[in-house]
C-alpha atoms as a PDB file:
ATOM      1  CA  MET A   1     109.282  68.111  90.925  1.00  0.00           C
ATOM      2  CA  LYS A   2     112.100  70.070  92.466  1.00  0.00           C
ATOM      3  CA  ASN A   3     111.140  72.748  95.035  1.00  0.00           C
ATOM      4  CA  SER A   4     112.667  76.254  94.765  1.00  0.00           C
ATOM      5  CA  PHE A   5     114.504  75.791  98.116  1.00  0.00           C
ATOM      6  CA  SER A   6     116.850  73.040  96.811  1.00  0.00           C
ATOM      7  CA  ALA A   7     117.240  74.456  93.387  1.00  0.00           C
ATOM      8  CA  ARG A   8     119.066  77.611  94.545  1.00  0.00           C
ATOM      9  CA  SER A   9     121.729  78.284  97.155  1.00  0.00           C
ATOM     10  CA  SER A  10     120.875  77.309 100.376  1.00  0.00           C
ATOM     11  CA  ARG A  11     123.160  79.726 102.134  1.00  0.00           C
ATOM     12  CA  PHE A  12     120.316  82.545 102.439  1.00  0.00           C
ATOM     13  CA  LEU A  13     116.570  82.158 102.885  1.00  0.00           C
ATOM     14  CA  THR A  14     113.845  84.684 101.926  1.00  0.00           C
ATOM     15  CA  ILE A  15     111.279  85.868 104.721  1.00  0.00           C
ATOM     16  CA  THR A  16     108.878  83.400 103.186  1.00  0.00           C
ATOM     17  CA  GLU A  17     111.038  80.478 103.267  1.00  0.00           C
ATOM     18  CA  VAL A  18     111.938  81.018 107.075  1.00  0.00           C
ATOM     19  CA  ALA A  19     108.319  81.472 107.941  1.00  0.00           C
ATOM     20  CA  TRP A  20     107.425  78.301 106.127  1.00  0.00           C
ATOM     21  CA  LEU A  21     110.353  76.373 107.722  1.00  0.00           C
ATOM     22  CA  LEU A  22     109.422  77.728 111.263  1.00  0.00           C
ATOM     23  CA  GLY A  23     105.707  77.339 110.630  1.00  0.00           C
ATOM     24  CA  ILE A  24     104.846  80.860 111.586  1.00  0.00           C
ATOM     25  CA  ASP A  25     103.613  83.936 109.715  1.00  0.00           C
ATOM     26  CA  GLY A  26     106.129  86.157 107.697  1.00  0.00           C
ATOM     27  CA  SER A  27     105.151  89.210 110.097  1.00  0.00           C
ATOM     28  CA  GLN A  28     106.547  87.141 113.054  1.00  0.00           C
ATOM     29  CA  VAL A  29     109.798  86.614 110.879  1.00  0.00           C
ATOM     30  CA  CYS A  30     109.801  90.313 110.270  1.00  0.00           C
ATOM     31  CA  ARG A  31     109.387  91.161 113.953  1.00  0.00           C
ATOM     32  CA  ALA A  32     112.355  88.717 114.933  1.00  0.00           C
ATOM     33  CA  ILE A  33     114.357  90.565 112.582  1.00  0.00           C
ATOM     34  CA  ARG A  34     113.223  93.976 113.995  1.00  0.00           C
ATOM     35  CA  ILE A  35     114.018  92.915 117.499  1.00  0.00           C
ATOM     36  CA  GLY A  36     117.553  91.323 116.600  1.00  0.00           C
ATOM     37  CA  LEU A  37     116.741  87.671 116.800  1.00  0.00           C
ATOM     38  CA  LEU A  38     117.428  87.145 113.143  1.00  0.00           C
ATOM     39  CA  PRO A  39     120.192  88.917 111.158  1.00  0.00           C
ATOM     40  CA  ILE A  40     119.626  89.796 107.620  1.00  0.00           C
ATOM     41  CA  VAL A  41     121.546  90.374 104.664  1.00  0.00           C
ATOM     42  CA  ARG A  42     120.478  92.595 101.504  1.00  0.00           C
ATOM     43  CA  ARG A  43     121.202  91.226  98.112  1.00  0.00           C
ATOM     44  CA  ARG A  44     120.028  93.171  95.094  1.00  0.00           C
ATOM     45  CA  GLY A  45     117.406  94.726  97.112  1.00  0.00           C
ATOM     46  CA  GLN A  46     115.948  91.540  98.594  1.00  0.00           C
ATOM     47  CA  VAL A  47     116.109  90.904 102.253  1.00  0.00           C
ATOM     48  CA  LEU A  48     117.730  87.554 103.030  1.00  0.00           C
ATOM     49  CA  ILE A  49     118.420  85.600 106.184  1.00  0.00           C
ATOM     50  CA  PRO A  50     121.469  83.562 106.459  1.00  0.00           C
ATOM     51  CA  ALA A  51     120.687  79.740 106.933  1.00  0.00           C
ATOM     52  CA  HIS A  52     123.319  79.486 109.649  1.00  0.00           C
ATOM     53  CA  ALA A  53     121.185  81.985 111.810  1.00  0.00           C
ATOM     54  CA  LEU A  54     118.230  79.484 111.746  1.00  0.00           C
ATOM     55  CA  ALA A  55     120.525  76.850 112.856  1.00  0.00           C
ATOM     56  CA  CYS A  56     121.636  78.898 115.770  1.00  0.00           C
ATOM     57  CA  LEU A  57     118.044  79.883 116.612  1.00  0.00           C
ATOM     58  CA  ALA A  58     117.214  76.186 116.653  1.00  0.00           C
ATOM     59  CA  ASP A  59     120.280  75.384 118.971  1.00  0.00           C
ATOM     60  CA  ASN A  60     119.234  78.088 121.373  1.00  0.00           C
ATOM     61  CA  GLY A  61     115.712  76.768 121.592  1.00  0.00           C
ATOM     62  CA  ASP A  62     116.749  73.239 122.268  1.00  0.00           C
ATOM     63  CA  ARG A  63     118.735  74.556 125.306  1.00  0.00           C
ATOM     64  CA  SER A  64     115.376  76.010 126.877  1.00  0.00           C
ATOM     65  CA  ASP A  65     115.852  73.541 129.761  1.00  0.00           C
ATOM     66  CA  GLY A  66     118.871  75.308 131.125  1.00  0.00           C
ATOM     67  CA  GLY A  67     121.350  74.100 128.609  1.00  0.00           C
ATOM     68  CA  GLU A  68     122.418  70.980 130.565  1.00  0.00           C
ATOM     69  CA  ALA A  69     122.893  67.622 129.177  1.00  0.00           C
ATOM     70  CA  ARG A  70     121.065  64.708 130.786  1.00  0.00           C
END
C-alpha cells in the first residue's frame, strides 16, 4: 500500500503532513506559519509548506547546543 506522501510530489507538504512528520498538532503548524518559522506557498487555494523549510527547521533544531561541533 502506497502512502499519499510518496505518491505525490515531495517538494511541498500540507499542514496535516507537516504536523504528522513533526508529531505536533495542526494548530501548532499554523502558529509556526503565523510567526514566520515556516514559509508557505499557495497553490490552487491550498496552503503548502516547502519541504526544504522543514529540513532547515530541523537543521536549526540540531544546533540548539550552540552550533559548535564536538
